[in-house]
C-alpha atoms as a PDB file:
ATOM      1  CA  MET A   1      -9.329  27.182   1.218  1.00  0.00           C
ATOM      2  CA  ARG A   2      -9.086  26.229  -2.440  1.00  0.00           C
ATOM      3  CA  LYS A   3     -12.385  26.620  -4.282  1.00  0.00           C
ATOM      4  CA  ILE A   4     -13.730  23.379  -5.705  1.00  0.00           C
ATOM      5  CA  ALA A   5     -14.165  23.500  -9.452  1.00  0.00           C
ATOM      6  CA  ALA A   6     -17.648  23.029 -10.868  1.00  0.00           C
ATOM      7  CA  LYS A   7     -16.319  20.488 -13.388  1.00  0.00           C
ATOM      8  CA  PRO A   8     -13.241  18.295 -12.964  1.00  0.00           C
ATOM      9  CA  ARG A   9     -10.284  19.388 -15.028  1.00  0.00           C
ATOM     10  CA  ALA A  10      -8.594  17.182 -17.605  1.00  0.00           C
ATOM     11  CA  PRO A  11      -6.275  14.609 -15.968  1.00  0.00           C
ATOM     12  CA  ARG A  12      -3.080  16.218 -17.325  1.00  0.00           C
ATOM     13  CA  SER A  13      -3.813  19.654 -15.885  1.00  0.00           C
ATOM     14  CA  THR A  14      -4.999  18.073 -12.637  1.00  0.00           C
ATOM     15  CA  VAL A  15      -1.722  16.168 -12.294  1.00  0.00           C
ATOM     16  CA  ALA A  16       0.179  19.438 -12.638  1.00  0.00           C
ATOM     17  CA  ALA A  17      -2.074  21.178 -10.115  1.00  0.00           C
ATOM     18  CA  ILE A  18      -1.708  18.403  -7.543  1.00  0.00           C
ATOM     19  CA  LEU A  19       2.057  18.298  -7.986  1.00  0.00           C
ATOM     20  CA  ALA A  20       2.233  22.058  -7.497  1.00  0.00           C
ATOM     21  CA  GLU A  21       0.123  21.852  -4.347  1.00  0.00           C
ATOM     22  CA  LEU A  22       2.218  19.030  -2.897  1.00  0.00           C
ATOM     23  CA  ARG A  23       5.418  20.928  -3.653  1.00  0.00           C
ATOM     24  CA  ARG A  24       3.987  24.011  -1.944  1.00  0.00           C
ATOM     25  CA  VAL A  25       3.157  22.202   1.310  1.00  0.00           C
ATOM     26  CA  GLY A  26       6.399  20.228   1.374  1.00  0.00           C
ATOM     27  CA  ARG A  27       9.008  21.177   3.967  1.00  0.00           C
ATOM     28  CA  PRO A  28      12.817  20.863   3.695  1.00  0.00           C
ATOM     29  CA  ALA A  29      13.129  19.398   7.201  1.00  0.00           C
ATOM     30  CA  ARG A  30      10.475  16.815   6.459  1.00  0.00           C
ATOM     31  CA  ARG A  31      12.161  16.009   3.139  1.00  0.00           C
ATOM     32  CA  LYS A  32      15.434  15.220   4.926  1.00  0.00           C
ATOM     33  CA  VAL A  33      13.632  12.914   7.340  1.00  0.00           C
ATOM     34  CA  ALA A  34      11.817  11.156   4.489  1.00  0.00           C
ATOM     35  CA  GLU A  35      14.999  10.699   2.469  1.00  0.00           C
ATOM     36  CA  TRP A  36      16.579   9.018   5.489  1.00  0.00           C
ATOM     37  CA  TYR A  37      13.537   7.020   6.614  1.00  0.00           C
ATOM     38  CA  PHE A  38      12.579   5.556   3.238  1.00  0.00           C
ATOM     39  CA  PRO A  39      15.390   6.260   0.767  1.00  0.00           C
ATOM     40  CA  SER A  40      14.349   6.283  -2.860  1.00  0.00           C
ATOM     41  CA  ALA A  41      15.651   7.115  -6.316  1.00  0.00           C
ATOM     42  CA  MET A  42      12.510   9.224  -6.711  1.00  0.00           C
ATOM     43  CA  ARG A  43      12.196  12.836  -5.655  1.00  0.00           C
ATOM     44  CA  THR A  44      10.554  13.675  -2.353  1.00  0.00           C
ATOM     45  CA  PHE A  45       8.818  16.976  -1.561  1.00  0.00           C
ATOM     46  CA  GLY A  46       8.689  16.347   2.180  1.00  0.00           C
ATOM     47  CA  VAL A  47       4.929  16.520   2.686  1.00  0.00           C
ATOM     48  CA  ALA A  48       3.818  15.562   6.192  1.00  0.00           C
ATOM     49  CA  ALA A  49       1.077  12.940   6.398  1.00  0.00           C
ATOM     50  CA  PRO A  50      -1.637  15.327   7.701  1.00  0.00           C
ATOM     51  CA  ASP A  51      -0.919  17.810   4.896  1.00  0.00           C
ATOM     52  CA  LEU A  52      -0.948  15.083   2.280  1.00  0.00           C
ATOM     53  CA  ARG A  53      -4.308  13.829   3.511  1.00  0.00           C
ATOM     54  CA  ARG A  54      -5.767  17.330   3.418  1.00  0.00           C
ATOM     55  CA  VAL A  55      -4.650  17.688  -0.182  1.00  0.00           C
ATOM     56  CA  THR A  56      -5.948  14.293  -1.279  1.00  0.00           C
ATOM     57  CA  ARG A  57      -9.275  14.655   0.513  1.00  0.00           C
ATOM     58  CA  ALA A  58      -9.896  18.014  -1.134  1.00  0.00           C
ATOM     59  CA  TRP A  59      -9.068  16.614  -4.568  1.00  0.00           C
ATOM     60  CA  SER A  60     -11.178  13.527  -3.918  1.00  0.00           C
ATOM     61  CA  ARG A  61     -14.164  15.802  -3.325  1.00  0.00           C
ATOM     62  CA  GLU A  62     -13.431  17.676  -6.518  1.00  0.00           C
ATOM     63  CA  LEU A  63     -13.106  14.440  -8.488  1.00  0.00           C
ATOM     64  CA  ARG A  64     -16.184  12.779  -7.060  1.00  0.00           C
ATOM     65  CA  GLN A  65     -18.102  13.106 -10.344  1.00  0.00           C
ATOM     66  CA  ALA A  66     -15.113  12.344 -12.568  1.00  0.00           C
ATOM     67  CA  SER A  67     -15.191   9.184 -14.658  1.00  0.00           C
ATOM     68  CA  ALA A  68     -13.320   6.065 -13.614  1.00  0.00           C
ATOM     69  CA  ARG A  69     -11.160   6.444 -16.723  1.00  0.00           C
ATOM     70  CA  ASP A  70     -10.149   9.996 -15.851  1.00  0.00           C
ATOM     71  CA  VAL A  71      -9.328   9.176 -12.224  1.00  0.00           C
ATOM     72  CA  LEU A  72      -7.258   6.192 -13.306  1.00  0.00           C
ATOM     73  CA  ARG A  73      -5.402   8.346 -15.834  1.00  0.00           C
ATOM     74  CA  LEU A  74      -4.820  10.920 -13.101  1.00  0.00           C
ATOM     75  CA  ALA A  75      -3.366   8.269 -10.790  1.00  0.00           C
ATOM     76  CA  GLN A  76      -1.146   7.001 -13.588  1.00  0.00           C
ATOM     77  CA  GLY A  77       0.069  10.537 -14.259  1.00  0.00           C
ATOM     78  CA  LEU A  78       0.945  11.122 -10.614  1.00  0.00           C
ATOM     79  CA  VAL A  79       2.800   7.800 -10.454  1.00  0.00           C
ATOM     80  CA  ALA A  80       4.720   8.690 -13.616  1.00  0.00           C
ATOM     81  CA  ALA A  81       5.954  11.920 -11.989  1.00  0.00           C
ATOM     82  CA  ARG A  82       8.426   9.850  -9.938  1.00  0.00           C
ATOM     83  CA  VAL A  83       7.771  11.748  -6.707  1.00  0.00           C
ATOM     84  CA  THR A  84       7.147   9.707  -3.566  1.00  0.00           C
ATOM     85  CA  ASP A  85       4.531  12.117  -2.189  1.00  0.00           C
ATOM     86  CA  ALA A  86       2.702  12.121  -5.532  1.00  0.00           C
ATOM     87  CA  ARG A  87       2.558   8.335  -5.586  1.00  0.00           C
ATOM     88  CA  THR A  88       0.957   8.238  -2.168  1.00  0.00           C
ATOM     89  CA  ALA A  89      -1.478  10.936  -3.291  1.00  0.00           C
ATOM     90  CA  ALA A  90      -2.327   8.877  -6.380  1.00  0.00           C
ATOM     91  CA  TYR A  91      -3.093   5.796  -4.308  1.00  0.00           C
ATOM     92  CA  GLU A  92      -5.189   7.724  -1.781  1.00  0.00           C
ATOM     93  CA  ILE A  93      -7.248   9.511  -4.450  1.00  0.00           C
ATOM     94  CA  LEU A  94      -7.801   6.289  -6.366  1.00  0.00           C
ATOM     95  CA  SER A  95      -8.818   4.377  -3.240  1.00  0.00           C
ATOM     96  CA  ARG A  96     -11.534   6.970  -2.507  1.00  0.00           C
ATOM     97  CA  HIS A  97     -13.113   6.697  -5.969  1.00  0.00           C
ATOM     98  CA  PRO A  98     -15.201   3.477  -6.065  1.00  0.00           C
ATOM     99  CA  PRO A  99     -15.836   3.510  -9.856  1.00  0.00           C
ATOM    100  CA  ALA A 100     -12.098   3.835 -10.545  1.00  0.00           C
ATOM    101  CA  MET A 101     -11.308   1.029  -8.093  1.00  0.00           C
ATOM    102  CA  ALA A 102     -13.944  -1.125  -9.770  1.00  0.00           C
ATOM    103  CA  ALA A 103     -12.272  -0.533 -13.145  1.00  0.00           C
ATOM    104  CA  LEU A 104      -8.905  -1.905 -12.032  1.00  0.00           C
ATOM    105  CA  ASP A 105      -7.493  -5.117 -13.434  1.00  0.00           C
ATOM    106  CA  ALA A 106      -4.209  -6.986 -13.107  1.00  0.00           C
ATOM    107  CA  ARG A 107      -2.474  -4.925 -15.769  1.00  0.00           C
ATOM    108  CA  SER A 108      -3.490  -1.517 -14.416  1.00  0.00           C
ATOM    109  CA  VAL A 109      -2.743  -2.460 -10.803  1.00  0.00           C
ATOM    110  CA  THR A 110       0.701  -3.771 -11.678  1.00  0.00           C
ATOM    111  CA  ALA A 111       1.455  -0.634 -13.691  1.00  0.00           C
ATOM    112  CA  LEU A 112       0.553   1.569 -10.729  1.00  0.00           C
ATOM    113  CA  GLY A 113       3.040  -0.279  -8.518  1.00  0.00           C
ATOM    114  CA  ARG A 114       5.865  -0.401 -11.030  1.00  0.00           C
ATOM    115  CA  GLY A 115       8.874   1.633  -9.914  1.00  0.00           C
ATOM    116  CA  ASN A 116       8.104   1.601  -6.189  1.00  0.00           C
ATOM    117  CA  ASP A 117      11.512   1.385  -4.531  1.00  0.00           C
ATOM    118  CA  ASN A 118      10.908   2.169  -0.862  1.00  0.00           C
ATOM    119  CA  TRP A 119       8.721   0.785   1.886  1.00  0.00           C
ATOM    120  CA  GLY A 120       6.567   3.905   2.171  1.00  0.00           C
ATOM    121  CA  SER A 121       5.418   3.803  -1.447  1.00  0.00           C
ATOM    122  CA  VAL A 122       5.111   0.014  -1.418  1.00  0.00           C
ATOM    123  CA  ASP A 123       2.950  -0.036   1.694  1.00  0.00           C
ATOM    124  CA  ALA A 124       0.637   2.748   0.489  1.00  0.00           C
ATOM    125  CA  PHE A 125       0.192   0.958  -2.845  1.00  0.00           C
ATOM    126  CA  SER A 126      -0.316  -2.447  -1.227  1.00  0.00           C
ATOM    127  CA  VAL A 127      -2.882  -1.376   1.362  1.00  0.00           C
ATOM    128  CA  LEU A 128      -4.803   1.248  -0.610  1.00  0.00           C
ATOM    129  CA  VAL A 129      -4.776  -0.234  -4.114  1.00  0.00           C
ATOM    130  CA  ALA A 130      -3.376  -3.735  -4.643  1.00  0.00           C
ATOM    131  CA  GLY A 131      -4.744  -5.370  -1.496  1.00  0.00           C
ATOM    132  CA  ALA A 132      -8.103  -3.658  -1.847  1.00  0.00           C
ATOM    133  CA  ALA A 133      -8.360  -4.732  -5.498  1.00  0.00           C
ATOM    134  CA  TRP A 134      -7.478  -8.294  -4.492  1.00  0.00           C
ATOM    135  CA  ARG A 135     -10.078  -8.348  -1.735  1.00  0.00           C
ATOM    136  CA  GLN A 136     -12.690  -7.011  -4.152  1.00  0.00           C
ATOM    137  CA  GLY A 137     -11.859  -9.672  -6.756  1.00  0.00           C
ATOM    138  CA  ARG A 138     -10.322  -7.242  -9.283  1.00  0.00           C
ATOM    139  CA  ILE A 139      -7.094  -9.235  -9.357  1.00  0.00           C
ATOM    140  CA  ASP A 140      -6.732 -12.921  -8.584  1.00  0.00           C
ATOM    141  CA  ASP A 141      -4.390 -14.998  -6.483  1.00  0.00           C
ATOM    142  CA  SER A 142      -2.051 -15.725  -9.387  1.00  0.00           C
ATOM    143  CA  VAL A 143      -1.055 -12.045  -9.590  1.00  0.00           C
ATOM    144  CA  ILE A 144      -0.043 -11.975  -5.918  1.00  0.00           C
ATOM    145  CA  ALA A 145       1.783 -15.299  -6.297  1.00  0.00           C
ATOM    146  CA  ARG A 146       3.749 -13.866  -9.222  1.00  0.00           C
ATOM    147  CA  TRP A 147       4.789 -10.877  -7.130  1.00  0.00           C
ATOM    148  CA  ALA A 148       5.822 -13.202  -4.299  1.00  0.00           C
ATOM    149  CA  ARG A 149       8.113 -15.074  -6.727  1.00  0.00           C
ATOM    150  CA  SER A 150       9.707 -11.868  -8.002  1.00  0.00           C
ATOM    151  CA  LYS A 151      13.453 -11.311  -7.813  1.00  0.00           C
ATOM    152  CA  GLY A 152      12.667  -7.762  -6.701  1.00  0.00           C
ATOM    153  CA  ARG A 153      12.403  -7.293  -2.966  1.00  0.00           C
ATOM    154  CA  TRP A 154       9.737  -4.605  -3.301  1.00  0.00           C
ATOM    155  CA  TRP A 155       7.338  -6.805  -5.240  1.00  0.00           C
ATOM    156  CA  ARG A 156       7.799  -9.576  -2.677  1.00  0.00           C
ATOM    157  CA  ARG A 157       6.968  -7.108   0.084  1.00  0.00           C
ATOM    158  CA  THR A 158       4.003  -5.895  -1.982  1.00  0.00           C
ATOM    159  CA  ALA A 159       2.626  -9.442  -2.086  1.00  0.00           C
ATOM    160  CA  LEU A 160       2.825  -9.700   1.695  1.00  0.00           C
ATOM    161  CA  VAL A 161       1.418  -6.283   2.562  1.00  0.00           C
ATOM    162  CA  SER A 162      -1.413  -6.801   0.072  1.00  0.00           C
ATOM    163  CA  THR A 163      -2.779  -9.410   2.488  1.00  0.00           C
ATOM    164  CA  VAL A 164      -3.393  -6.736   5.135  1.00  0.00           C
ATOM    165  CA  PRO A 165      -6.705  -5.467   3.649  1.00  0.00           C
ATOM    166  CA  LEU A 166      -7.972  -9.060   3.653  1.00  0.00           C
ATOM    167  CA  ASN A 167      -7.766  -9.111   7.429  1.00  0.00           C
ATOM    168  CA  LEU A 168      -8.102  -5.635   8.902  1.00  0.00           C
ATOM    169  CA  ARG A 169     -11.691  -4.663   9.640  1.00  0.00           C
ATOM    170  CA  SER A 170     -10.783  -1.008   9.061  1.00  0.00           C
ATOM    171  CA  ARG A 171      -9.867  -1.957   5.474  1.00  0.00           C
ATOM    172  CA  GLY A 172     -12.951  -4.060   4.866  1.00  0.00           C
ATOM    173  CA  GLY A 173     -11.309  -7.371   5.744  1.00  0.00           C
ATOM    174  CA  THR A 174     -12.930 -10.189   7.670  1.00  0.00           C
ATOM    175  CA  GLY A 175     -10.005 -12.605   7.910  1.00  0.00           C
ATOM    176  CA  ASP A 176      -8.590 -14.729   5.095  1.00  0.00           C
ATOM    177  CA  PRO A 177      -6.090 -17.253   6.478  1.00  0.00           C
ATOM    178  CA  ALA A 178      -5.915 -19.342   3.305  1.00  0.00           C
ATOM    179  CA  ARG A 179      -4.683 -16.565   1.035  1.00  0.00           C
ATOM    180  CA  THR A 180      -2.632 -14.783   3.692  1.00  0.00           C
ATOM    181  CA  LEU A 181      -0.768 -17.881   4.837  1.00  0.00           C
ATOM    182  CA  ALA A 182      -0.150 -19.046   1.268  1.00  0.00           C
ATOM    183  CA  VAL A 183       1.854 -15.853   0.634  1.00  0.00           C
ATOM    184  CA  CYS A 184       3.645 -16.061   4.000  1.00  0.00           C
ATOM    185  CA  GLU A 185       4.568 -19.697   3.450  1.00  0.00           C
ATOM    186  CA  ARG A 186       6.025 -18.912   0.049  1.00  0.00           C
ATOM    187  CA  LEU A 187       8.310 -16.317   1.662  1.00  0.00           C
ATOM    188  CA  VAL A 188       8.953 -17.975   5.021  1.00  0.00           C
ATOM    189  CA  ASP A 189      12.655 -18.551   4.250  1.00  0.00           C
ATOM    190  CA  ASP A 190      13.284 -15.113   2.731  1.00  0.00           C
ATOM    191  CA  ARG A 191      15.710 -13.130   4.887  1.00  0.00           C
ATOM    192  CA  ASP A 192      15.552  -9.797   3.100  1.00  0.00           C
ATOM    193  CA  ASP A 193      14.789  -7.338   5.905  1.00  0.00           C
ATOM    194  CA  MET A 194      11.895  -5.700   4.040  1.00  0.00           C
ATOM    195  CA  VAL A 195      10.358  -9.113   3.375  1.00  0.00           C
ATOM    196  CA  VAL A 196      10.829 -10.318   6.949  1.00  0.00           C
ATOM    197  CA  LYS A 197       9.037  -7.209   8.208  1.00  0.00           C
ATOM    198  CA  GLY A 198       6.304  -7.842   5.633  1.00  0.00           C
ATOM    199  CA  VAL A 199       5.780 -11.413   6.875  1.00  0.00           C
ATOM    200  CA  SER A 200       5.501 -10.068  10.428  1.00  0.00           C
ATOM    201  CA  TRP A 201       2.929  -7.466   9.426  1.00  0.00           C
ATOM    202  CA  ALA A 202       0.868  -9.940   7.410  1.00  0.00           C
ATOM    203  CA  LEU A 203       0.716 -12.417  10.283  1.00  0.00           C
ATOM    204  CA  ARG A 204      -0.004  -9.731  12.883  1.00  0.00           C
ATOM    205  CA  ALA A 205      -2.923  -8.425  10.812  1.00  0.00           C
ATOM    206  CA  LEU A 206      -4.304 -11.947  10.454  1.00  0.00           C
ATOM    207  CA  SER A 207      -3.863 -12.631  14.171  1.00  0.00           C
ATOM    208  CA  VAL A 208      -6.662 -10.189  15.024  1.00  0.00           C
ATOM    209  CA  PRO A 209      -9.540 -12.011  13.279  1.00  0.00           C
ATOM    210  CA  LYS A 210      -7.933 -15.495  13.113  1.00  0.00           C
ATOM    211  CA  PRO A 211      -5.488 -16.008  16.006  1.00  0.00           C
ATOM    212  CA  ALA A 212      -5.747 -19.812  15.964  1.00  0.00           C
ATOM    213  CA  ALA A 213      -4.592 -19.953  12.326  1.00  0.00           C
ATOM    214  CA  VAL A 214      -1.561 -17.823  13.175  1.00  0.00           C
ATOM    215  CA  HIS A 215      -0.698 -19.936  16.224  1.00  0.00           C
ATOM    216  CA  THR A 216      -0.750 -23.031  14.018  1.00  0.00           C
ATOM    217  CA  PHE A 217       1.394 -21.374  11.343  1.00  0.00           C
ATOM    218  CA  LEU A 218       4.009 -20.287  13.903  1.00  0.00           C
ATOM    219  CA  ALA A 219       4.169 -23.782  15.389  1.00  0.00           C
ATOM    220  CA  ARG A 220       4.512 -25.429  11.969  1.00  0.00           C
ATOM    221  CA  HIS A 221       7.259 -23.081  10.741  1.00  0.00           C
ATOM    222  CA  ARG A 222       9.003 -22.146  13.989  1.00  0.00           C
ATOM    223  CA  THR A 223      12.405 -23.396  12.839  1.00  0.00           C
ATOM    224  CA  ARG A 224      12.170 -21.528   9.531  1.00  0.00           C
ATOM    225  CA  LEU A 225      10.709 -18.163  10.509  1.00  0.00           C
ATOM    226  CA  ALA A 226      13.024 -15.232  11.211  1.00  0.00           C
ATOM    227  CA  PRO A 227      13.458 -14.382  14.923  1.00  0.00           C
ATOM    228  CA  ARG A 228      11.841 -10.974  14.341  1.00  0.00           C
ATOM    229  CA  VAL A 229       8.686 -12.628  13.053  1.00  0.00           C
ATOM    230  CA  LEU A 230       8.498 -15.039  15.972  1.00  0.00           C
ATOM    231  CA  ARG A 231       9.036 -12.225  18.480  1.00  0.00           C
ATOM    232  CA  GLU A 232       6.676  -9.619  16.991  1.00  0.00           C
ATOM    233  CA  VAL A 233       3.859 -12.010  16.086  1.00  0.00           C
ATOM    234  CA  GLY A 234       4.199 -13.816  19.402  1.00  0.00           C
ATOM    235  CA  ASN A 235       3.930 -10.482  21.212  1.00  0.00           C
ATOM    236  CA  LYS A 236       0.861  -9.562  19.178  1.00  0.00           C
ATOM    237  CA  LEU A 237      -0.864 -12.836  20.018  1.00  0.00           C
ATOM    238  CA  ARG A 238      -0.063 -12.565  23.732  1.00  0.00           C
ATOM    239  CA  THR A 239      -0.525  -8.854  24.377  1.00  0.00           C
ATOM    240  CA  GLY A 240      -2.226  -7.349  21.331  1.00  0.00           C
ATOM    241  CA  ARG A 241       0.882  -5.285  20.546  1.00  0.00           C
ATOM    242  CA  LYS A 242       3.933  -5.820  18.362  1.00  0.00           C
ATOM    243  CA  ASN A 243       6.280  -4.401  20.985  1.00  0.00           C
ATOM    244  CA  PRO A 244       4.587  -4.330  24.408  1.00  0.00           C
END
């Protein structure tokens, strides 16, 4: 087991150390699966989810006493490396450091999501960083609305998946139909596959704390919603599962 340093290292050297550790635990077979499952212009080391979590949890312990500024700079450095595994690590480490999360604003959040070009990176960013910052009041509704209007499919998906932490109890959510449905309604006619799946996820997450609001939304927009959304959200409301 790696020994925890008495004092956190400077962000630049920590970025290099984390990248080296991720590269070391990456596996060629896993890399091939990742490149097929969420293709990206970024590099992929092929780190399995359990290994990535072990790495990020260890570094989160080491960085517990680090300043918000240093942890944010570390996250920015990992994002700038253009490695999918490093981006997920950045978002996980940042999400576990309350002072760094409290220091986020619209500019820093947007910068951390810039360049995401696959659903894996988008979803990690949206759930761990953007959605959490939105729920905590670090960014306001206008930022999410701007992403939802973007010409880029990944920002539109980001807007949708960022609603998930508003509604999942495991993410601190209590149910926010007003903000969730505003984003879904803006994208109800979008037929990009990644966006359609995002609408489904957003509505399914909301259906747990606020099923009546989702029933009403489905009835109002039944002729406009994609068949996948109607099927998956309908299943969730009836059985508690997307695909029973």
